[in-house]
Amino acid sequence: MAEVVDVVSGRGGELVLRRDGDEFEVIANGVFLMDTRNGESERLLVTGAADRLGPGARILIGGLGVGFSLRAALDHPNVGEVVVVEREPAVLAWNREGPLRAVHGDALADVRVTVVEADLVAWLRETGETFDALCLDIDNGPEWTVTDGNAALYGDSGVDGLAERLRPGGVLAVWSAGTAPSFTERLRSRFPDVRVTEVPVPRGEPDVVWFAKMSGR
């Protein structure tokens, strides 16, 4: 039976960290969000993008989660710098000083990592920074958001804004807990190269990762 490790009132509602044997689970507003059992698709989110880039790439990871994507980024030879945008102080604490630190080998302490504590949707609207890749693992995907404001990220204006933050030849990578055909078409109307990868999971429908590449180098 899962043991509750921590319960906090986060910026997007209640967040619960649970331990189930050797694994950890994060629950947001009563909805399962992520765990440490596998992470294949979360790693692919970054490695699939970085494989399409050259050395020294600057990437943004939207949503720290349990650190799988960040660890994969730091281990990839093409990644030179990582900016992590995470809005929940508790998630940062669980990963920085808490039990999730061991999951990714204290990746947040790496000198190549910059952490921004902010809501990604708002931060992207305000920042003028550009990246070689945007790797987004926000909520449960385009058509299943726990936090209402996150849906704007996947709409027409949201995708346009993401494209503006990419350098020529840059890659937008998006993770989802399920398919979203309308989102696929939205990407294909804006990017010349869009690939959709399904990753089987032990229970339920496969995870999905989109890779949309800008024209350029």
N, C-alpha and C. Protein backbone atom coordinates (compact mmCIF):
# COMPACT_ATOMS: atom_id res chain seq x y z
N MET A 1 0.85 -1.20 0.00
CA MET A 1 0.00 0.00 0.00
C MET A 1 0.88 1.25 0.00
N ALA A 2 0.51 2.23 -0.81
CA ALA A 2 1.30 3.45 -0.94
C ALA A 2 1.27 4.26 0.35
N GLU A 3 2.43 4.82 0.69
CA GLU A 3 2.58 5.64 1.89
C GLU A 3 2.72 7.10 1.47
N VAL A 4 1.97 7.99 2.10
CA VAL A 4 2.05 9.41 1.80
C VAL A 4 3.32 9.98 2.44
N VAL A 5 4.17 10.57 1.60
CA VAL A 5 5.41 11.17 2.08
C VAL A 5 5.23 12.64 2.38
N ASP A 6 4.47 13.33 1.53
CA ASP A 6 4.28 14.77 1.70
C ASP A 6 3.00 15.19 1.02
N VAL A 7 2.31 16.16 1.61
CA VAL A 7 1.13 16.78 1.02
C VAL A 7 1.29 18.29 1.11
N VAL A 8 1.16 18.98 -0.02
CA VAL A 8 1.34 20.43 -0.02
C VAL A 8 0.21 21.08 -0.82
N SER A 9 -0.01 22.34 -0.50
CA SER A 9 -0.92 23.15 -1.30
C SER A 9 -0.07 23.91 -2.31
N GLY A 10 -0.08 23.43 -3.54
CA GLY A 10 0.78 24.02 -4.57
C GLY A 10 0.09 25.15 -5.31
N ARG A 11 0.78 25.71 -6.28
CA ARG A 11 0.21 26.81 -7.05
C ARG A 11 -0.93 26.36 -7.94
N GLY A 12 -0.94 25.07 -8.28
CA GLY A 12 -2.02 24.55 -9.11
C GLY A 12 -2.99 23.66 -8.35
N GLY A 13 -2.90 23.68 -7.02
CA GLY A 13 -3.79 22.84 -6.21
C GLY A 13 -2.99 21.90 -5.32
N GLU A 14 -3.66 20.87 -4.83
CA GLU A 14 -3.00 19.93 -3.92
C GLU A 14 -2.02 19.02 -4.65
N LEU A 15 -0.85 18.86 -4.08
CA LEU A 15 0.17 17.95 -4.59
C LEU A 15 0.51 16.94 -3.51
N VAL A 16 0.55 15.67 -3.90
CA VAL A 16 0.87 14.60 -2.95
C VAL A 16 2.03 13.78 -3.50
N LEU A 17 3.03 13.55 -2.66
CA LEU A 17 4.13 12.64 -2.99
C LEU A 17 3.93 11.36 -2.19
N ARG A 18 3.85 10.23 -2.90
CA ARG A 18 3.64 8.94 -2.25
C ARG A 18 4.79 8.00 -2.56
N ARG A 19 5.04 7.09 -1.61
CA ARG A 19 6.02 6.03 -1.82
C ARG A 19 5.28 4.70 -1.90
N ASP A 20 5.58 3.91 -2.92
CA ASP A 20 5.01 2.58 -3.08
C ASP A 20 6.17 1.61 -3.25
N GLY A 21 6.60 1.02 -2.16
CA GLY A 21 7.81 0.19 -2.20
C GLY A 21 9.02 1.05 -2.47
N ASP A 22 9.73 0.76 -3.55
CA ASP A 22 10.91 1.55 -3.92
C ASP A 22 10.58 2.70 -4.86
N GLU A 23 9.33 2.82 -5.24
CA GLU A 23 8.94 3.82 -6.24
C GLU A 23 8.19 4.98 -5.60
N PHE A 24 8.18 6.11 -6.32
CA PHE A 24 7.47 7.31 -5.86
C PHE A 24 6.41 7.70 -6.89
N GLU A 25 5.33 8.29 -6.41
CA GLU A 25 4.23 8.75 -7.26
C GLU A 25 3.88 10.19 -6.89
N VAL A 26 3.51 10.97 -7.89
CA VAL A 26 3.05 12.34 -7.67
C VAL A 26 1.60 12.43 -8.12
N ILE A 27 0.75 12.91 -7.21
CA ILE A 27 -0.68 13.05 -7.47
C ILE A 27 -1.02 14.53 -7.42
N ALA A 28 -1.72 15.04 -8.43
CA ALA A 28 -2.11 16.45 -8.48
C ALA A 28 -3.63 16.56 -8.46
N ASN A 29 -4.16 17.19 -7.44
CA ASN A 29 -5.62 17.37 -7.31
C ASN A 29 -6.36 16.04 -7.47
N GLY A 30 -5.79 15.00 -6.87
CA GLY A 30 -6.43 13.70 -6.89
C GLY A 30 -6.22 12.90 -8.15
N VAL A 31 -5.49 13.45 -9.13
CA VAL A 31 -5.25 12.77 -10.41
C VAL A 31 -3.79 12.34 -10.49
N PHE A 32 -3.57 11.06 -10.81
CA PHE A 32 -2.20 10.56 -10.96
C PHE A 32 -1.47 11.36 -12.04
N LEU A 33 -0.26 11.82 -11.73
CA LEU A 33 0.48 12.65 -12.67
C LEU A 33 1.73 11.96 -13.20
N MET A 34 2.49 11.32 -12.32
CA MET A 34 3.75 10.70 -12.75
C MET A 34 4.27 9.79 -11.66
N ASP A 35 5.22 8.91 -12.04
CA ASP A 35 5.89 8.08 -11.05
C ASP A 35 7.30 7.76 -11.52
N THR A 36 8.02 6.99 -10.72
CA THR A 36 9.43 6.69 -11.03
C THR A 36 9.61 5.27 -11.56
N ARG A 37 8.54 4.63 -12.00
CA ARG A 37 8.63 3.21 -12.36
C ARG A 37 9.35 2.95 -13.69
N ASN A 38 9.22 3.84 -14.63
CA ASN A 38 9.80 3.56 -15.93
C ASN A 38 10.50 4.79 -16.49
N GLY A 39 9.73 5.71 -17.03
CA GLY A 39 10.30 6.95 -17.55
C GLY A 39 10.82 6.88 -18.97
N GLU A 40 10.51 5.79 -19.69
CA GLU A 40 11.03 5.66 -21.05
C GLU A 40 10.60 6.81 -21.94
N SER A 41 9.31 7.14 -21.90
CA SER A 41 8.82 8.20 -22.79
C SER A 41 9.33 9.58 -22.34
N GLU A 42 9.50 9.78 -21.04
CA GLU A 42 10.03 11.05 -20.55
C GLU A 42 11.47 11.25 -20.99
N ARG A 43 12.25 10.17 -21.01
CA ARG A 43 13.63 10.27 -21.50
C ARG A 43 13.65 10.50 -23.02
N LEU A 44 12.77 9.80 -23.71
CA LEU A 44 12.70 9.95 -25.17
C LEU A 44 12.35 11.38 -25.56
N LEU A 45 11.55 12.05 -24.75
CA LEU A 45 11.19 13.44 -25.01
C LEU A 45 12.42 14.28 -25.28
N VAL A 46 13.47 14.05 -24.49
CA VAL A 46 14.70 14.83 -24.63
C VAL A 46 15.67 14.20 -25.62
N THR A 47 15.90 12.91 -25.50
CA THR A 47 16.89 12.28 -26.38
C THR A 47 16.46 12.35 -27.85
N GLY A 48 15.16 12.20 -28.11
CA GLY A 48 14.68 12.28 -29.48
C GLY A 48 14.87 13.67 -30.06
N ALA A 49 14.73 14.71 -29.23
CA ALA A 49 14.97 16.07 -29.69
C ALA A 49 16.47 16.32 -29.88
N ALA A 50 17.27 15.91 -28.90
CA ALA A 50 18.72 16.17 -28.96
C ALA A 50 19.37 15.42 -30.11
N ASP A 51 18.84 14.25 -30.46
CA ASP A 51 19.39 13.50 -31.59
C ASP A 51 19.27 14.28 -32.89
N ARG A 52 18.32 15.20 -32.94
CA ARG A 52 18.07 15.98 -34.16
C ARG A 52 18.83 17.30 -34.16
N LEU A 53 19.69 17.52 -33.17
CA LEU A 53 20.43 18.76 -33.02
C LEU A 53 21.93 18.52 -33.08
N GLY A 54 22.68 19.61 -33.19
CA GLY A 54 24.13 19.51 -33.15
C GLY A 54 24.66 19.69 -31.74
N PRO A 55 25.99 19.55 -31.57
CA PRO A 55 26.60 19.69 -30.25
C PRO A 55 26.41 21.09 -29.67
N GLY A 56 26.38 21.15 -28.34
CA GLY A 56 26.25 22.43 -27.64
C GLY A 56 24.85 22.98 -27.60
N ALA A 57 23.86 22.17 -27.84
CA ALA A 57 22.47 22.64 -27.92
C ALA A 57 21.99 23.21 -26.58
N ARG A 58 21.20 24.26 -26.68
CA ARG A 58 20.56 24.86 -25.51
C ARG A 58 19.10 24.43 -25.52
N ILE A 59 18.70 23.72 -24.48
CA ILE A 59 17.33 23.21 -24.46
C ILE A 59 16.58 23.67 -23.23
N LEU A 60 15.29 23.76 -23.39
CA LEU A 60 14.40 24.07 -22.28
C LEU A 60 13.59 22.82 -21.94
N ILE A 61 13.49 22.51 -20.66
CA ILE A 61 12.62 21.45 -20.19
C ILE A 61 11.50 22.09 -19.40
N GLY A 62 10.29 21.95 -19.91
CA GLY A 62 9.13 22.50 -19.24
C GLY A 62 8.46 21.43 -18.40
N GLY A 63 8.59 21.55 -17.09
CA GLY A 63 8.06 20.56 -16.16
C GLY A 63 9.15 19.60 -15.71
N LEU A 64 9.58 19.73 -14.45
CA LEU A 64 10.69 18.89 -13.96
C LEU A 64 10.25 17.46 -13.69
N GLY A 65 9.04 17.28 -13.19
CA GLY A 65 8.57 15.93 -12.88
C GLY A 65 9.45 15.24 -11.86
N VAL A 66 9.83 14.01 -12.15
CA VAL A 66 10.70 13.25 -11.25
C VAL A 66 12.15 13.26 -11.76
N GLY A 67 12.45 14.11 -12.74
CA GLY A 67 13.82 14.33 -13.17
C GLY A 67 14.33 13.42 -14.27
N PHE A 68 13.48 12.55 -14.82
CA PHE A 68 13.93 11.65 -15.88
C PHE A 68 14.42 12.42 -17.11
N SER A 69 13.66 13.41 -17.53
CA SER A 69 14.02 14.17 -18.73
C SER A 69 15.32 14.96 -18.52
N LEU A 70 15.44 15.56 -17.35
CA LEU A 70 16.65 16.33 -17.06
C LEU A 70 17.89 15.43 -17.07
N ARG A 71 17.80 14.27 -16.46
CA ARG A 71 18.94 13.35 -16.43
C ARG A 71 19.32 12.93 -17.86
N ALA A 72 18.30 12.65 -18.67
CA ALA A 72 18.57 12.25 -20.05
C ALA A 72 19.24 13.37 -20.83
N ALA A 73 18.83 14.62 -20.57
CA ALA A 73 19.44 15.75 -21.26
C ALA A 73 20.91 15.88 -20.90
N LEU A 74 21.22 15.80 -19.62
CA LEU A 74 22.61 15.97 -19.18
C LEU A 74 23.51 14.84 -19.67
N ASP A 75 22.94 13.68 -19.91
CA ASP A 75 23.72 12.53 -20.38
C ASP A 75 23.88 12.50 -21.89
N HIS A 76 23.21 13.40 -22.61
CA HIS A 76 23.27 13.39 -24.08
C HIS A 76 24.44 14.23 -24.57
N PRO A 77 25.24 13.72 -25.50
CA PRO A 77 26.43 14.45 -25.94
C PRO A 77 26.14 15.75 -26.69
N ASN A 78 24.93 15.93 -27.20
CA ASN A 78 24.62 17.15 -27.95
C ASN A 78 24.13 18.30 -27.08
N VAL A 79 23.88 18.05 -25.80
CA VAL A 79 23.29 19.06 -24.93
C VAL A 79 24.39 19.82 -24.18
N GLY A 80 24.38 21.15 -24.33
CA GLY A 80 25.36 21.98 -23.65
C GLY A 80 24.81 22.74 -22.47
N GLU A 81 23.51 23.08 -22.53
CA GLU A 81 22.89 23.89 -21.47
C GLU A 81 21.42 23.50 -21.35
N VAL A 82 20.92 23.47 -20.12
CA VAL A 82 19.52 23.11 -19.88
C VAL A 82 18.88 24.16 -18.98
N VAL A 83 17.76 24.69 -19.40
CA VAL A 83 16.94 25.56 -18.57
C VAL A 83 15.68 24.78 -18.19
N VAL A 84 15.46 24.62 -16.89
CA VAL A 84 14.28 23.91 -16.39
C VAL A 84 13.29 24.93 -15.85
N VAL A 85 12.07 24.91 -16.37
CA VAL A 85 11.02 25.78 -15.87
C VAL A 85 9.99 24.93 -15.12
N GLU A 86 9.85 25.18 -13.83
CA GLU A 86 8.95 24.41 -12.97
C GLU A 86 8.24 25.37 -12.03
N ARG A 87 6.92 25.31 -12.00
CA ARG A 87 6.17 26.28 -11.21
C ARG A 87 5.98 25.88 -9.75
N GLU A 88 6.12 24.59 -9.44
CA GLU A 88 5.79 24.12 -8.09
C GLU A 88 7.02 24.05 -7.20
N PRO A 89 7.09 24.88 -6.15
CA PRO A 89 8.23 24.82 -5.22
C PRO A 89 8.41 23.44 -4.60
N ALA A 90 7.31 22.73 -4.34
CA ALA A 90 7.41 21.41 -3.72
C ALA A 90 8.10 20.41 -4.64
N VAL A 91 7.79 20.48 -5.94
CA VAL A 91 8.44 19.57 -6.89
C VAL A 91 9.94 19.85 -6.94
N LEU A 92 10.31 21.11 -6.92
CA LEU A 92 11.73 21.45 -6.89
C LEU A 92 12.39 20.94 -5.61
N ALA A 93 11.72 21.10 -4.49
CA ALA A 93 12.28 20.64 -3.21
C ALA A 93 12.41 19.12 -3.16
N TRP A 94 11.40 18.41 -3.65
CA TRP A 94 11.47 16.94 -3.66
C TRP A 94 12.63 16.45 -4.51
N ASN A 95 12.93 17.19 -5.59
CA ASN A 95 14.01 16.80 -6.48
C ASN A 95 15.38 17.30 -6.02
N ARG A 96 15.40 18.41 -5.30
CA ARG A 96 16.67 19.03 -4.92
C ARG A 96 17.20 18.48 -3.59
N GLU A 97 16.33 18.40 -2.58
CA GLU A 97 16.77 17.92 -1.27
C GLU A 97 16.01 16.69 -0.81
N GLY A 98 14.93 16.34 -1.48
CA GLY A 98 14.06 15.28 -1.03
C GLY A 98 14.37 13.92 -1.64
N PRO A 99 13.42 13.00 -1.54
CA PRO A 99 13.67 11.61 -1.97
C PRO A 99 13.83 11.43 -3.47
N LEU A 100 13.37 12.38 -4.29
CA LEU A 100 13.52 12.23 -5.74
C LEU A 100 14.94 12.55 -6.21
N ARG A 101 15.73 13.13 -5.34
CA ARG A 101 17.10 13.49 -5.70
C ARG A 101 17.90 12.27 -6.17
N ALA A 102 17.68 11.13 -5.51
CA ALA A 102 18.42 9.92 -5.86
C ALA A 102 17.98 9.33 -7.19
N VAL A 103 16.76 9.67 -7.64
CA VAL A 103 16.23 9.12 -8.89
C VAL A 103 17.08 9.55 -10.08
N HIS A 104 17.59 10.79 -10.04
CA HIS A 104 18.33 11.34 -11.18
C HIS A 104 19.77 11.71 -10.83
N GLY A 105 20.25 11.24 -9.69
CA GLY A 105 21.64 11.50 -9.35
C GLY A 105 21.95 12.97 -9.10
N ASP A 106 21.02 13.68 -8.44
CA ASP A 106 21.22 15.09 -8.08
C ASP A 106 21.48 15.95 -9.32
N ALA A 107 20.68 15.73 -10.35
CA ALA A 107 20.90 16.43 -11.62
C ALA A 107 20.76 17.94 -11.51
N LEU A 108 19.95 18.42 -10.57
CA LEU A 108 19.77 19.86 -10.44
C LEU A 108 21.04 20.57 -10.00
N ALA A 109 21.99 19.84 -9.44
CA ALA A 109 23.24 20.45 -8.99
C ALA A 109 24.24 20.62 -10.13
N ASP A 110 23.96 20.09 -11.30
CA ASP A 110 24.88 20.19 -12.43
C ASP A 110 25.02 21.66 -12.86
N VAL A 111 26.23 22.09 -13.13
CA VAL A 111 26.49 23.50 -13.46
C VAL A 111 25.87 23.91 -14.78
N ARG A 112 25.49 22.95 -15.60
CA ARG A 112 24.87 23.27 -16.89
C ARG A 112 23.38 23.58 -16.77
N VAL A 113 22.84 23.42 -15.56
CA VAL A 113 21.40 23.54 -15.34
C VAL A 113 21.06 24.89 -14.72
N THR A 114 20.07 25.57 -15.31
CA THR A 114 19.48 26.77 -14.71
C THR A 114 18.02 26.47 -14.41
N VAL A 115 17.60 26.74 -13.18
CA VAL A 115 16.22 26.49 -12.78
C VAL A 115 15.45 27.80 -12.71
N VAL A 116 14.30 27.83 -13.34
CA VAL A 116 13.40 28.98 -13.28
C VAL A 116 12.11 28.52 -12.61
N GLU A 117 11.80 29.10 -11.45
CA GLU A 117 10.56 28.76 -10.75
C GLU A 117 9.46 29.69 -11.26
N ALA A 118 8.66 29.19 -12.18
CA ALA A 118 7.65 30.02 -12.82
C ALA A 118 6.63 29.13 -13.53
N ASP A 119 5.47 29.70 -13.80
CA ASP A 119 4.48 29.03 -14.63
C ASP A 119 4.97 29.11 -16.08
N LEU A 120 5.09 27.96 -16.72
CA LEU A 120 5.69 27.92 -18.06
C LEU A 120 4.90 28.75 -19.06
N VAL A 121 3.58 28.65 -19.02
CA VAL A 121 2.75 29.37 -20.00
C VAL A 121 3.01 30.86 -19.92
N ALA A 122 3.02 31.41 -18.69
CA ALA A 122 3.26 32.84 -18.50
C ALA A 122 4.70 33.20 -18.84
N TRP A 123 5.64 32.37 -18.45
CA TRP A 123 7.06 32.66 -18.67
C TRP A 123 7.38 32.71 -20.16
N LEU A 124 6.82 31.80 -20.92
CA LEU A 124 7.07 31.78 -22.36
C LEU A 124 6.54 33.04 -23.03
N ARG A 125 5.44 33.57 -22.53
CA ARG A 125 4.88 34.80 -23.11
C ARG A 125 5.80 35.99 -22.86
N GLU A 126 6.50 35.97 -21.73
CA GLU A 126 7.26 37.13 -21.30
C GLU A 126 8.73 37.09 -21.72
N THR A 127 9.29 35.90 -21.84
CA THR A 127 10.72 35.80 -22.11
C THR A 127 11.04 36.11 -23.57
N GLY A 128 12.24 36.59 -23.77
CA GLY A 128 12.72 36.78 -25.13
C GLY A 128 13.77 35.74 -25.49
N GLU A 129 13.99 34.78 -24.61
CA GLU A 129 15.02 33.77 -24.83
C GLU A 129 14.61 32.80 -25.94
N THR A 130 15.62 32.27 -26.62
CA THR A 130 15.37 31.27 -27.65
C THR A 130 16.19 30.02 -27.36
N PHE A 131 15.75 28.89 -27.93
CA PHE A 131 16.34 27.60 -27.61
C PHE A 131 16.46 26.75 -28.88
N ASP A 132 17.35 25.78 -28.80
CA ASP A 132 17.46 24.80 -29.88
C ASP A 132 16.40 23.72 -29.75
N ALA A 133 15.88 23.53 -28.54
CA ALA A 133 14.80 22.57 -28.34
C ALA A 133 13.95 22.99 -27.15
N LEU A 134 12.66 22.82 -27.31
CA LEU A 134 11.70 22.96 -26.21
C LEU A 134 11.14 21.58 -25.94
N CYS A 135 11.36 21.05 -24.74
CA CYS A 135 10.90 19.72 -24.36
C CYS A 135 9.86 19.88 -23.27
N LEU A 136 8.60 19.68 -23.64
CA LEU A 136 7.50 20.02 -22.74
C LEU A 136 6.78 18.79 -22.21
N ASP A 137 6.78 18.67 -20.91
CA ASP A 137 6.04 17.61 -20.21
C ASP A 137 5.16 18.32 -19.19
N ILE A 138 4.13 18.95 -19.68
CA ILE A 138 3.26 19.77 -18.85
C ILE A 138 1.90 19.11 -18.71
N ASP A 139 1.51 18.84 -17.47
CA ASP A 139 0.23 18.20 -17.21
C ASP A 139 0.23 16.81 -17.84
N ASN A 140 -0.91 16.35 -18.33
CA ASN A 140 -0.98 15.01 -18.92
C ASN A 140 -1.05 15.04 -20.44
N GLY A 141 -0.86 16.22 -21.04
CA GLY A 141 -0.86 16.31 -22.49
C GLY A 141 -1.89 17.27 -23.03
N PRO A 142 -1.95 17.43 -24.34
CA PRO A 142 -2.81 18.44 -24.97
C PRO A 142 -4.30 18.30 -24.66
N GLU A 143 -4.80 17.09 -24.50
CA GLU A 143 -6.24 16.91 -24.34
C GLU A 143 -6.64 16.39 -22.96
N TRP A 144 -5.71 16.46 -22.00
CA TRP A 144 -6.03 15.98 -20.65
C TRP A 144 -5.22 16.79 -19.65
N THR A 145 -5.68 18.02 -19.38
CA THR A 145 -4.96 18.90 -18.48
C THR A 145 -5.65 18.96 -17.12
N VAL A 146 -4.85 18.80 -16.07
CA VAL A 146 -5.35 18.90 -14.70
C VAL A 146 -5.53 20.36 -14.32
N THR A 147 -4.63 21.22 -14.80
CA THR A 147 -4.70 22.66 -14.54
C THR A 147 -5.24 23.36 -15.78
N ASP A 148 -6.35 24.09 -15.63
CA ASP A 148 -7.03 24.68 -16.78
C ASP A 148 -6.11 25.57 -17.62
N GLY A 149 -5.28 26.37 -16.99
CA GLY A 149 -4.44 27.31 -17.72
C GLY A 149 -3.46 26.65 -18.65
N ASN A 150 -3.13 25.38 -18.39
CA ASN A 150 -2.14 24.69 -19.23
C ASN A 150 -2.67 24.39 -20.63
N ALA A 151 -3.98 24.35 -20.79
CA ALA A 151 -4.55 24.03 -22.10
C ALA A 151 -4.14 25.06 -23.16
N ALA A 152 -3.91 26.30 -22.73
CA ALA A 152 -3.54 27.36 -23.67
C ALA A 152 -2.22 27.06 -24.37
N LEU A 153 -1.37 26.28 -23.74
CA LEU A 153 -0.07 25.97 -24.32
C LEU A 153 -0.20 25.17 -25.61
N TYR A 154 -1.28 24.40 -25.73
CA TYR A 154 -1.43 23.47 -26.85
C TYR A 154 -2.38 24.00 -27.93
N GLY A 155 -2.97 25.17 -27.71
CA GLY A 155 -3.86 25.74 -28.71
C GLY A 155 -3.11 26.46 -29.82
N ASP A 156 -3.85 27.07 -30.73
CA ASP A 156 -3.23 27.74 -31.88
C ASP A 156 -2.23 28.81 -31.46
N SER A 157 -2.64 29.72 -30.59
CA SER A 157 -1.74 30.79 -30.18
C SER A 157 -0.58 30.25 -29.36
N GLY A 158 -0.84 29.19 -28.57
CA GLY A 158 0.21 28.58 -27.77
C GLY A 158 1.30 27.98 -28.64
N VAL A 159 0.91 27.25 -29.68
CA VAL A 159 1.89 26.63 -30.57
C VAL A 159 2.65 27.70 -31.36
N ASP A 160 1.95 28.76 -31.75
CA ASP A 160 2.64 29.87 -32.43
C ASP A 160 3.70 30.48 -31.53
N GLY A 161 3.36 30.64 -30.25
CA GLY A 161 4.31 31.20 -29.30
C GLY A 161 5.51 30.29 -29.09
N LEU A 162 5.27 28.99 -29.07
CA LEU A 162 6.38 28.04 -28.92
C LEU A 162 7.33 28.13 -30.11
N ALA A 163 6.78 28.22 -31.30
CA ALA A 163 7.61 28.32 -32.50
C ALA A 163 8.50 29.56 -32.46
N GLU A 164 7.99 30.64 -31.87
CA GLU A 164 8.78 31.87 -31.78
C GLU A 164 9.98 31.74 -30.85
N ARG A 165 9.92 30.79 -29.93
CA ARG A 165 11.01 30.59 -28.97
C ARG A 165 12.07 29.62 -29.49
N LEU A 166 11.87 29.09 -30.69
CA LEU A 166 12.82 28.14 -31.28
C LEU A 166 13.76 28.84 -32.26
N ARG A 167 15.02 28.43 -32.23
CA ARG A 167 16.00 28.90 -33.20
C ARG A 167 15.80 28.15 -34.52
N PRO A 168 16.38 28.66 -35.63
CA PRO A 168 16.28 27.93 -36.90
C PRO A 168 16.78 26.50 -36.74
N GLY A 169 16.01 25.55 -37.26
CA GLY A 169 16.36 24.15 -37.13
C GLY A 169 16.03 23.56 -35.77
N GLY A 170 15.38 24.35 -34.91
CA GLY A 170 15.05 23.89 -33.57
C GLY A 170 13.94 22.87 -33.55
N VAL A 171 13.81 22.19 -32.41
CA VAL A 171 12.85 21.09 -32.27
C VAL A 171 11.91 21.36 -31.09
N LEU A 172 10.62 21.21 -31.34
CA LEU A 172 9.61 21.21 -30.29
C LEU A 172 9.25 19.76 -30.00
N ALA A 173 9.44 19.34 -28.75
CA ALA A 173 9.09 17.99 -28.33
C ALA A 173 8.03 18.08 -27.24
N VAL A 174 6.96 17.33 -27.40
CA VAL A 174 5.83 17.40 -26.46
C VAL A 174 5.44 16.00 -26.02
N TRP A 175 5.30 15.82 -24.71
CA TRP A 175 4.89 14.53 -24.13
C TRP A 175 3.40 14.54 -23.83
N SER A 176 2.78 13.37 -23.96
CA SER A 176 1.35 13.24 -23.63
C SER A 176 1.06 11.83 -23.15
N ALA A 177 0.06 11.73 -22.28
CA ALA A 177 -0.38 10.43 -21.78
C ALA A 177 -1.35 9.76 -22.75
N GLY A 178 -1.62 10.38 -23.88
CA GLY A 178 -2.53 9.78 -24.85
C GLY A 178 -2.47 10.52 -26.17
N THR A 179 -3.12 9.97 -27.18
CA THR A 179 -3.12 10.58 -28.51
C THR A 179 -3.93 11.87 -28.52
N ALA A 180 -3.64 12.73 -29.48
CA ALA A 180 -4.36 13.99 -29.65
C ALA A 180 -4.28 14.38 -31.12
N PRO A 181 -5.14 13.79 -31.96
CA PRO A 181 -5.07 14.03 -33.41
C PRO A 181 -5.14 15.50 -33.80
N SER A 182 -5.96 16.27 -33.09
CA SER A 182 -6.08 17.69 -33.45
C SER A 182 -4.78 18.43 -33.18
N PHE A 183 -4.06 18.03 -32.15
CA PHE A 183 -2.77 18.65 -31.86
C PHE A 183 -1.75 18.27 -32.94
N THR A 184 -1.79 17.03 -33.39
CA THR A 184 -0.91 16.60 -34.48
C THR A 184 -1.12 17.46 -35.72
N GLU A 185 -2.38 17.70 -36.07
CA GLU A 185 -2.67 18.52 -37.25
C GLU A 185 -2.24 19.96 -37.04
N ARG A 186 -2.38 20.44 -35.81
CA ARG A 186 -1.95 21.81 -35.51
C ARG A 186 -0.45 21.95 -35.73
N LEU A 187 0.31 20.97 -35.31
CA LEU A 187 1.76 21.00 -35.52
C LEU A 187 2.09 20.92 -37.01
N ARG A 188 1.41 20.05 -37.73
CA ARG A 188 1.72 19.86 -39.15
C ARG A 188 1.39 21.09 -39.99
N SER A 189 0.51 21.93 -39.49
CA SER A 189 0.19 23.15 -40.22
C SER A 189 1.23 24.24 -40.01
N ARG A 190 2.17 24.01 -39.08
CA ARG A 190 3.15 25.03 -38.73
C ARG A 190 4.60 24.58 -38.89
N PHE A 191 4.85 23.29 -38.85
CA PHE A 191 6.22 22.77 -38.91
C PHE A 191 6.36 21.86 -40.14
N PRO A 192 7.51 21.94 -40.84
CA PRO A 192 7.69 21.12 -42.04
C PRO A 192 7.97 19.65 -41.75
N ASP A 193 8.41 19.34 -40.52
CA ASP A 193 8.78 17.97 -40.18
C ASP A 193 8.18 17.63 -38.83
N VAL A 194 7.14 16.79 -38.82
CA VAL A 194 6.46 16.39 -37.58
C VAL A 194 6.43 14.87 -37.50
N ARG A 195 6.91 14.33 -36.40
CA ARG A 195 6.89 12.89 -36.19
C ARG A 195 6.21 12.58 -34.86
N VAL A 196 5.41 11.54 -34.87
CA VAL A 196 4.66 11.13 -33.68
C VAL A 196 5.12 9.73 -33.28
N THR A 197 5.55 9.59 -32.03
CA THR A 197 6.06 8.31 -31.53
C THR A 197 5.20 7.83 -30.37
N GLU A 198 4.73 6.60 -30.45
CA GLU A 198 3.98 6.01 -29.36
C GLU A 198 4.89 5.09 -28.55
N VAL A 199 4.78 5.17 -27.24
CA VAL A 199 5.61 4.37 -26.34
C VAL A 199 4.69 3.52 -25.48
N PRO A 200 4.68 2.20 -25.65
CA PRO A 200 3.81 1.34 -24.85
C PRO A 200 4.10 1.46 -23.36
N VAL A 201 3.04 1.38 -22.55
CA VAL A 201 3.16 1.40 -21.10
C VAL A 201 2.49 0.15 -20.54
N PRO A 202 2.82 -0.24 -19.31
CA PRO A 202 2.26 -1.48 -18.76
C PRO A 202 0.74 -1.53 -18.73
N ARG A 203 0.10 -0.37 -18.44
CA ARG A 203 -1.36 -0.33 -18.37
C ARG A 203 -1.88 0.87 -19.14
N GLY A 204 -2.99 0.68 -19.85
CA GLY A 204 -3.61 1.79 -20.55
C GLY A 204 -3.01 2.04 -21.93
N GLU A 205 -3.46 3.13 -22.55
CA GLU A 205 -2.99 3.45 -23.90
C GLU A 205 -1.56 3.96 -23.85
N PRO A 206 -0.84 3.88 -24.97
CA PRO A 206 0.58 4.28 -24.98
C PRO A 206 0.76 5.77 -24.70
N ASP A 207 1.92 6.10 -24.14
CA ASP A 207 2.34 7.50 -24.09
C ASP A 207 2.65 7.94 -25.52
N VAL A 208 2.58 9.24 -25.74
CA VAL A 208 2.85 9.79 -27.08
C VAL A 208 3.85 10.94 -26.96
N VAL A 209 4.81 10.97 -27.87
CA VAL A 209 5.77 12.08 -27.94
C VAL A 209 5.79 12.62 -29.36
N TRP A 210 5.59 13.93 -29.50
CA TRP A 210 5.66 14.60 -30.80
C TRP A 210 7.02 15.28 -30.94
N PHE A 211 7.59 15.21 -32.13
CA PHE A 211 8.80 15.94 -32.47
C PHE A 211 8.51 16.79 -33.70
N ALA A 212 8.54 18.10 -33.54
CA ALA A 212 8.27 19.01 -34.65
C ALA A 212 9.50 19.88 -34.87
N LYS A 213 10.09 19.78 -36.05
CA LYS A 213 11.35 20.46 -36.34
C LYS A 213 11.14 21.67 -37.25
N MET A 214 11.75 22.78 -36.85
CA MET A 214 11.70 24.00 -37.66
C MET A 214 12.60 23.85 -38.88
N SER A 215 12.31 24.62 -39.90
CA SER A 215 13.23 24.67 -41.02
C SER A 215 14.46 25.48 -40.62
N GLY A 216 15.55 25.29 -41.33
CA GLY A 216 16.80 25.99 -40.98
C GLY A 216 17.95 25.03 -41.06
N ARG A 217 18.93 25.26 -40.19
CA ARG A 217 20.15 24.46 -40.26
C ARG A 217 19.92 23.01 -39.91
